[in-house]
Amino acid sequence: MENRILWEYLEELPEQETVWHDWSRRLSGWYFFNTFYTHYLKIKDKRAKLLECTTPCEHNCPRRILDKSPSDITAVCPLDESAPIKLTFKDTLIYFLRLETLHQALCVSLQIEYPSGIKLPEYDSVWHLGDYSGTEVYITYRTAILPDTISSLYLLHQKPFILIVPTMKNVTPEIQKFIDKNDFVLLSIQDELRLQPDGSFKPKRSISECMNLVIKAK
């Protein structure tokens, strides 16, 4: 199973956090899941009270977590239309993505000068990673609102920038046309980086190579 399973899943998590049950359910078949978990997930000081229900149903409501004892935890359908799901204590713990650690690792692999990696106050879904040879670099996980993100960054800079996204899944022909016209780089982690056994990332090519491709395409 390729690294793509991770980046596709992160695009589905607006806050980059969920219960251990869901992290493991979605990623445990991935060869590097333990590496990713060890380096980039951290436990939150709270437990979940609800669990996403994956049983096909017209209601699409979350399950309630009933905690009778550490060895008797279940996620039940509030409408009693499906069987309870047996959970472990760890399944109910919330784990979040260690964004600063991940962003630092991405910057090291792509040779981006990393100042802080803090989230921009103007745009809730965007982090400023740093600088690459005088060009500002950003990252977003919420590609469902990619047109708004790109427009906001373009209005902010009025010059080329680099935007890193998990995958190119939500890049429409219209978005690609805007990218080509304005000479900025959209870089997909799924396509350009591979997680290594030590938790680092190995790039397929450098940012400068990606920038040269944009120039040649013109």
C-alpha atoms as a PDB file:
ATOM      1  CA  MET A   1       0.000   0.000   0.000  1.00  0.00           C
ATOM      2  CA  GLU A   2       1.567   3.298  -1.079  1.00  0.00           C
ATOM      3  CA  ASN A   3       2.014   6.505   0.913  1.00  0.00           C
ATOM      4  CA  ARG A   4      -0.958   7.993  -0.929  1.00  0.00           C
ATOM      5  CA  ILE A   5      -3.350   6.417   1.590  1.00  0.00           C
ATOM      6  CA  LEU A   6      -2.008   8.774   4.279  1.00  0.00           C
ATOM      7  CA  TRP A   7      -2.287  11.998   2.294  1.00  0.00           C
ATOM      8  CA  GLU A   8      -5.735  11.157   0.970  1.00  0.00           C
ATOM      9  CA  TYR A   9      -6.897  10.524   4.527  1.00  0.00           C
ATOM     10  CA  LEU A  10      -5.436  13.781   5.880  1.00  0.00           C
ATOM     11  CA  GLU A  11      -7.466  15.675   3.283  1.00  0.00           C
ATOM     12  CA  GLU A  12     -10.577  14.207   4.913  1.00  0.00           C
ATOM     13  CA  LEU A  13      -9.640  15.411   8.433  1.00  0.00           C
ATOM     14  CA  PRO A  14     -10.314  19.165   8.749  1.00  0.00           C
ATOM     15  CA  GLU A  15      -8.602  19.399  12.153  1.00  0.00           C
ATOM     16  CA  GLN A  16      -6.023  16.653  11.488  1.00  0.00           C
ATOM     17  CA  GLU A  17      -7.195  14.689  14.502  1.00  0.00           C
ATOM     18  CA  THR A  18      -9.483  11.753  15.222  1.00  0.00           C
ATOM     19  CA  VAL A  19      -9.829   8.706  17.476  1.00  0.00           C
ATOM     20  CA  TRP A  20      -7.276   5.927  17.371  1.00  0.00           C
ATOM     21  CA  HIS A  21      -9.959   3.553  16.082  1.00  0.00           C
ATOM     22  CA  ASP A  22     -10.234   5.587  12.879  1.00  0.00           C
ATOM     23  CA  TRP A  23      -6.490   6.189  12.416  1.00  0.00           C
ATOM     24  CA  SER A  24      -5.827   2.462  12.679  1.00  0.00           C
ATOM     25  CA  ARG A  25      -8.870   1.452  10.646  1.00  0.00           C
ATOM     26  CA  ARG A  26      -7.831   3.627   7.729  1.00  0.00           C
ATOM     27  CA  LEU A  27      -4.038   3.285   7.892  1.00  0.00           C
ATOM     28  CA  SER A  28      -3.103   0.021   9.634  1.00  0.00           C
ATOM     29  CA  GLY A  29      -2.739  -1.806   6.310  1.00  0.00           C
ATOM     30  CA  TRP A  30      -0.120   0.721   5.224  1.00  0.00           C
ATOM     31  CA  TYR A  31       3.456  -0.556   5.564  1.00  0.00           C
ATOM     32  CA  PHE A  32       4.750   2.670   7.151  1.00  0.00           C
ATOM     33  CA  PHE A  33       1.850   3.230   9.555  1.00  0.00           C
ATOM     34  CA  ASN A  34       3.940   2.489  12.656  1.00  0.00           C
ATOM     35  CA  THR A  35       6.662   4.873  11.449  1.00  0.00           C
ATOM     36  CA  PHE A  36       4.108   7.610  10.827  1.00  0.00           C
ATOM     37  CA  TYR A  37       2.407   7.013  14.170  1.00  0.00           C
ATOM     38  CA  THR A  38       5.677   7.062  16.120  1.00  0.00           C
ATOM     39  CA  HIS A  39       6.957  10.286  14.556  1.00  0.00           C
ATOM     40  CA  TYR A  40       3.882  12.326  13.724  1.00  0.00           C
ATOM     41  CA  LEU A  41       0.913  11.427  15.952  1.00  0.00           C
ATOM     42  CA  LYS A  42       0.431  12.523  19.554  1.00  0.00           C
ATOM     43  CA  ILE A  43      -2.246  11.625  22.041  1.00  0.00           C
ATOM     44  CA  LYS A  44      -4.665  14.310  23.172  1.00  0.00           C
ATOM     45  CA  ASP A  45      -5.710  14.672  26.791  1.00  0.00           C
ATOM     46  CA  LYS A  46      -9.304  13.679  26.127  1.00  0.00           C
ATOM     47  CA  ARG A  47     -11.385  10.744  24.961  1.00  0.00           C
ATOM     48  CA  ALA A  48     -14.061  10.630  22.300  1.00  0.00           C
ATOM     49  CA  LYS A  49     -17.739  10.360  23.138  1.00  0.00           C
ATOM     50  CA  LEU A  50     -18.829   9.726  19.564  1.00  0.00           C
ATOM     51  CA  LEU A  51     -17.496   7.529  16.768  1.00  0.00           C
ATOM     52  CA  GLU A  52     -17.976   7.880  13.033  1.00  0.00           C
ATOM     53  CA  CYS A  53     -20.346   5.180  11.818  1.00  0.00           C
ATOM     54  CA  THR A  54     -19.249   3.295   8.699  1.00  0.00           C
ATOM     55  CA  THR A  55     -22.354   1.132   8.468  1.00  0.00           C
ATOM     56  CA  PRO A  56     -24.347   2.033   5.311  1.00  0.00           C
ATOM     57  CA  CYS A  57     -27.443   3.865   6.512  1.00  0.00           C
ATOM     58  CA  GLU A  58     -29.734   6.661   5.357  1.00  0.00           C
ATOM     59  CA  HIS A  59     -29.377   8.520   8.675  1.00  0.00           C
ATOM     60  CA  ASN A  60     -25.577   8.928   8.690  1.00  0.00           C
ATOM     61  CA  CYS A  61     -25.416   9.683  12.428  1.00  0.00           C
ATOM     62  CA  PRO A  62     -22.408   9.011  14.684  1.00  0.00           C
ATOM     63  CA  ARG A  63     -22.358   6.157  17.168  1.00  0.00           C
ATOM     64  CA  ARG A  64     -22.400   6.818  20.912  1.00  0.00           C
ATOM     65  CA  ILE A  65     -19.510   5.382  22.913  1.00  0.00           C
ATOM     66  CA  LEU A  66     -20.667   3.520  26.020  1.00  0.00           C
ATOM     67  CA  ASP A  67     -17.927   2.957  28.570  1.00  0.00           C
ATOM     68  CA  LYS A  68     -19.118   0.448  31.185  1.00  0.00           C
ATOM     69  CA  SER A  69     -15.576  -0.584  32.164  1.00  0.00           C
ATOM     70  CA  PRO A  70     -12.063  -0.532  30.649  1.00  0.00           C
ATOM     71  CA  SER A  71     -12.789  -3.979  29.187  1.00  0.00           C
ATOM     72  CA  ASP A  72     -16.380  -3.287  28.169  1.00  0.00           C
ATOM     73  CA  ILE A  73     -16.516  -0.375  25.726  1.00  0.00           C
ATOM     74  CA  THR A  74     -18.855  -0.291  22.740  1.00  0.00           C
ATOM     75  CA  ALA A  75     -19.967   2.145  20.057  1.00  0.00           C
ATOM     76  CA  VAL A  76     -23.727   1.854  19.668  1.00  0.00           C
ATOM     77  CA  CYS A  77     -26.134   3.041  17.034  1.00  0.00           C
ATOM     78  CA  PRO A  78     -28.441   5.678  18.597  1.00  0.00           C
ATOM     79  CA  LEU A  79     -31.329   4.269  16.538  1.00  0.00           C
ATOM     80  CA  ASP A  80     -30.528   0.619  17.377  1.00  0.00           C
ATOM     81  CA  GLU A  81     -30.418  -0.255  13.695  1.00  0.00           C
ATOM     82  CA  SER A  82     -27.024  -1.996  13.719  1.00  0.00           C
ATOM     83  CA  ALA A  83     -24.969  -4.132  16.068  1.00  0.00           C
ATOM     84  CA  PRO A  84     -22.641  -2.478  18.601  1.00  0.00           C
ATOM     85  CA  ILE A  85     -18.940  -2.205  17.778  1.00  0.00           C
ATOM     86  CA  LYS A  86     -16.544  -3.542  20.380  1.00  0.00           C
ATOM     87  CA  LEU A  87     -13.765  -1.060  21.227  1.00  0.00           C
ATOM     88  CA  THR A  88     -10.590  -1.057  23.259  1.00  0.00           C
ATOM     89  CA  PHE A  89      -9.692   1.781  25.607  1.00  0.00           C
ATOM     90  CA  LYS A  90      -7.028   2.981  23.125  1.00  0.00           C
ATOM     91  CA  ASP A  91      -9.638   3.056  20.331  1.00  0.00           C
ATOM     92  CA  THR A  92     -11.435   5.895  22.126  1.00  0.00           C
ATOM     93  CA  LEU A  93      -8.344   8.074  22.600  1.00  0.00           C
ATOM     94  CA  ILE A  94      -7.949  11.070  20.312  1.00  0.00           C
ATOM     95  CA  TYR A  95      -4.675  11.432  18.428  1.00  0.00           C
ATOM     96  CA  PHE A  96      -3.670  14.544  16.537  1.00  0.00           C
ATOM     97  CA  LEU A  97      -1.122  15.239  13.843  1.00  0.00           C
ATOM     98  CA  ARG A  98       2.065  16.870  15.164  1.00  0.00           C
ATOM     99  CA  LEU A  99       1.970  19.554  12.520  1.00  0.00           C
ATOM    100  CA  GLU A 100       5.098  21.440  13.559  1.00  0.00           C
ATOM    101  CA  THR A 101       7.167  18.240  13.551  1.00  0.00           C
ATOM    102  CA  LEU A 102       5.755  17.184  10.185  1.00  0.00           C
ATOM    103  CA  HIS A 103       6.288  20.613   8.652  1.00  0.00           C
ATOM    104  CA  GLN A 104       9.875  20.721   9.836  1.00  0.00           C
ATOM    105  CA  ALA A 105      10.512  17.327   8.243  1.00  0.00           C
ATOM    106  CA  LEU A 106       8.969  18.483   4.963  1.00  0.00           C
ATOM    107  CA  CYS A 107      11.120  21.614   5.003  1.00  0.00           C
ATOM    108  CA  VAL A 108      14.309  19.621   5.614  1.00  0.00           C
ATOM    109  CA  SER A 109      13.560  17.285   2.709  1.00  0.00           C
ATOM    110  CA  LEU A 110      12.717  20.149   0.312  1.00  0.00           C
ATOM    111  CA  GLN A 111      15.419  22.541   1.599  1.00  0.00           C
ATOM    112  CA  ILE A 112      12.881  25.153   2.675  1.00  0.00           C
ATOM    113  CA  GLU A 113      14.072  27.701   5.242  1.00  0.00           C
ATOM    114  CA  TYR A 114      11.722  27.003   8.146  1.00  0.00           C
ATOM    115  CA  PRO A 115      11.007  30.032  10.384  1.00  0.00           C
ATOM    116  CA  SER A 116       7.976  28.958  12.383  1.00  0.00           C
ATOM    117  CA  GLY A 117       5.404  27.017  10.375  1.00  0.00           C
ATOM    118  CA  ILE A 118       2.584  28.827  12.179  1.00  0.00           C
ATOM    119  CA  LYS A 119      -0.905  29.008  10.787  1.00  0.00           C
ATOM    120  CA  LEU A 120      -1.682  32.284   9.052  1.00  0.00           C
ATOM    121  CA  PRO A 121      -4.293  34.254  11.023  1.00  0.00           C
ATOM    122  CA  GLU A 122      -5.977  35.411   7.791  1.00  0.00           C
ATOM    123  CA  TYR A 123      -6.589  31.907   6.453  1.00  0.00           C
ATOM    124  CA  ASP A 124      -7.553  29.155   8.878  1.00  0.00           C
ATOM    125  CA  SER A 125      -6.634  26.356   6.473  1.00  0.00           C
ATOM    126  CA  VAL A 126      -3.122  27.518   5.485  1.00  0.00           C
ATOM    127  CA  TRP A 127       0.278  27.323   7.181  1.00  0.00           C
ATOM    128  CA  HIS A 128       3.280  29.394   6.174  1.00  0.00           C
ATOM    129  CA  LEU A 129       6.178  26.934   5.956  1.00  0.00           C
ATOM    130  CA  GLY A 130       8.962  29.324   5.104  1.00  0.00           C
ATOM    131  CA  ASP A 131      11.067  30.527   2.224  1.00  0.00           C
ATOM    132  CA  TYR A 132      12.672  28.787  -0.748  1.00  0.00           C
ATOM    133  CA  SER A 133      15.201  30.965  -2.577  1.00  0.00           C
ATOM    134  CA  GLY A 134      13.111  34.089  -1.980  1.00  0.00           C
ATOM    135  CA  THR A 135       9.753  32.441  -2.759  1.00  0.00           C
ATOM    136  CA  GLU A 136       7.197  32.002   0.037  1.00  0.00           C
ATOM    137  CA  VAL A 137       6.049  28.428   0.696  1.00  0.00           C
ATOM    138  CA  TYR A 138       2.665  27.421   2.155  1.00  0.00           C
ATOM    139  CA  ILE A 139       0.863  24.187   2.929  1.00  0.00           C
ATOM    140  CA  THR A 140      -2.834  23.335   3.163  1.00  0.00           C
ATOM    141  CA  TYR A 141      -4.705  20.104   3.847  1.00  0.00           C
ATOM    142  CA  ARG A 142      -8.200  21.381   3.065  1.00  0.00           C
ATOM    143  CA  THR A 143      -8.080  21.017  -0.699  1.00  0.00           C
ATOM    144  CA  ALA A 144     -11.874  21.006  -0.907  1.00  0.00           C
ATOM    145  CA  ILE A 145     -11.614  24.821  -0.673  1.00  0.00           C
ATOM    146  CA  LEU A 146      -8.492  25.073  -2.822  1.00  0.00           C
ATOM    147  CA  PRO A 147      -9.810  27.839  -5.155  1.00  0.00           C
ATOM    148  CA  ASP A 148     -10.448  30.148  -2.169  1.00  0.00           C
ATOM    149  CA  THR A 149      -7.042  29.352  -0.673  1.00  0.00           C
ATOM    150  CA  ILE A 150      -5.192  30.041  -3.908  1.00  0.00           C
ATOM    151  CA  SER A 151      -7.103  33.258  -4.535  1.00  0.00           C
ATOM    152  CA  SER A 152      -6.348  34.523  -1.022  1.00  0.00           C
ATOM    153  CA  LEU A 153      -2.632  33.782  -1.325  1.00  0.00           C
ATOM    154  CA  TYR A 154      -2.477  35.345  -4.773  1.00  0.00           C
ATOM    155  CA  LEU A 155      -4.119  38.555  -3.527  1.00  0.00           C
ATOM    156  CA  LEU A 156      -1.722  38.605  -0.579  1.00  0.00           C
ATOM    157  CA  HIS A 157       1.447  38.333  -2.674  1.00  0.00           C
ATOM    158  CA  GLN A 158       0.682  39.404  -6.233  1.00  0.00           C
ATOM    159  CA  LYS A 159       3.737  37.344  -7.212  1.00  0.00           C
ATOM    160  CA  PRO A 160       4.621  33.633  -7.589  1.00  0.00           C
ATOM    161  CA  PHE A 161       4.493  31.436  -4.491  1.00  0.00           C
ATOM    162  CA  ILE A 162       4.680  27.723  -3.706  1.00  0.00           C
ATOM    163  CA  LEU A 163       1.687  25.862  -2.289  1.00  0.00           C
ATOM    164  CA  ILE A 164       2.078  22.307  -0.989  1.00  0.00           C
ATOM    165  CA  VAL A 165      -1.008  20.059  -0.956  1.00  0.00           C
ATOM    166  CA  PRO A 166      -1.452  16.414   0.112  1.00  0.00           C
ATOM    167  CA  THR A 167      -2.731  15.254  -3.302  1.00  0.00           C
ATOM    168  CA  MET A 168      -3.821  16.677  -6.640  1.00  0.00           C
ATOM    169  CA  LYS A 169      -7.273  15.116  -6.291  1.00  0.00           C
ATOM    170  CA  ASN A 170      -9.126  18.436  -6.065  1.00  0.00           C
ATOM    171  CA  VAL A 171      -7.069  20.310  -8.663  1.00  0.00           C
ATOM    172  CA  THR A 172      -9.543  21.128 -11.437  1.00  0.00           C
ATOM    173  CA  PRO A 173      -8.642  22.224 -14.985  1.00  0.00           C
ATOM    174  CA  GLU A 174      -9.638  25.768 -13.993  1.00  0.00           C
ATOM    175  CA  ILE A 175      -7.242  25.734 -11.039  1.00  0.00           C
ATOM    176  CA  GLN A 176      -4.442  24.346 -13.196  1.00  0.00           C
ATOM    177  CA  LYS A 177      -5.045  27.052 -15.786  1.00  0.00           C
ATOM    178  CA  PHE A 178      -4.788  29.746 -13.097  1.00  0.00           C
ATOM    179  CA  ILE A 179      -1.567  28.174 -11.800  1.00  0.00           C
ATOM    180  CA  ASP A 180      -0.002  28.103 -15.263  1.00  0.00           C
ATOM    181  CA  LYS A 181      -1.029  31.675 -16.002  1.00  0.00           C
ATOM    182  CA  ASN A 182       0.435  33.117 -12.793  1.00  0.00           C
ATOM    183  CA  ASP A 183       3.676  31.119 -12.576  1.00  0.00           C
ATOM    184  CA  PHE A 184       3.291  29.670  -9.092  1.00  0.00           C
ATOM    185  CA  VAL A 185       4.048  26.091  -8.095  1.00  0.00           C
ATOM    186  CA  LEU A 186       1.539  23.580  -6.734  1.00  0.00           C
ATOM    187  CA  LEU A 187       3.432  20.673  -5.206  1.00  0.00           C
ATOM    188  CA  SER A 188       1.747  17.400  -4.208  1.00  0.00           C
ATOM    189  CA  ILE A 189       3.300  15.504  -1.273  1.00  0.00           C
ATOM    190  CA  GLN A 190       1.787  12.287  -2.589  1.00  0.00           C
ATOM    191  CA  ASP A 191       3.595  12.682  -5.910  1.00  0.00           C
ATOM    192  CA  GLU A 192       6.853  14.262  -4.773  1.00  0.00           C
ATOM    193  CA  LEU A 193       7.783  12.786  -1.356  1.00  0.00           C
ATOM    194  CA  ARG A 194       8.111   9.334   0.167  1.00  0.00           C
ATOM    195  CA  LEU A 195       8.153   8.580   3.879  1.00  0.00           C
ATOM    196  CA  GLN A 196      11.302   6.683   4.921  1.00  0.00           C
ATOM    197  CA  PRO A 197      11.731   4.109   7.754  1.00  0.00           C
ATOM    198  CA  ASP A 198      13.473   6.719   9.930  1.00  0.00           C
ATOM    199  CA  GLY A 199      10.539   9.153   9.632  1.00  0.00           C
ATOM    200  CA  SER A 200      12.219  11.483   7.140  1.00  0.00           C
ATOM    201  CA  PHE A 201      10.948  12.232   3.640  1.00  0.00           C
ATOM    202  CA  LYS A 202      12.774  11.481   0.412  1.00  0.00           C
ATOM    203  CA  PRO A 203      11.942  13.889  -2.448  1.00  0.00           C
ATOM    204  CA  LYS A 204      11.444  12.649  -5.981  1.00  0.00           C
ATOM    205  CA  ARG A 205      12.813  15.961  -7.264  1.00  0.00           C
ATOM    206  CA  SER A 206      13.732  19.348  -5.845  1.00  0.00           C
ATOM    207  CA  ILE A 207      11.481  22.409  -5.736  1.00  0.00           C
ATOM    208  CA  SER A 208      13.806  24.110  -8.251  1.00  0.00           C
ATOM    209  CA  GLU A 209      13.137  21.291 -10.727  1.00  0.00           C
ATOM    210  CA  CYS A 210       9.391  21.764 -10.238  1.00  0.00           C
ATOM    211  CA  MET A 211       9.787  25.523 -10.781  1.00  0.00           C
ATOM    212  CA  ASN A 212      11.768  24.911 -13.952  1.00  0.00           C
ATOM    213  CA  LEU A 213       8.972  22.700 -15.250  1.00  0.00           C
ATOM    214  CA  VAL A 214       6.515  25.558 -14.744  1.00  0.00           C
ATOM    215  CA  ILE A 215       8.797  27.930 -16.673  1.00  0.00           C
ATOM    216  CA  LYS A 216       9.257  25.435 -19.516  1.00  0.00           C
ATOM    217  CA  ALA A 217       5.513  24.877 -19.711  1.00  0.00           C
ATOM    218  CA  LYS A 218       5.121  28.567 -20.480  1.00  0.00           C
END
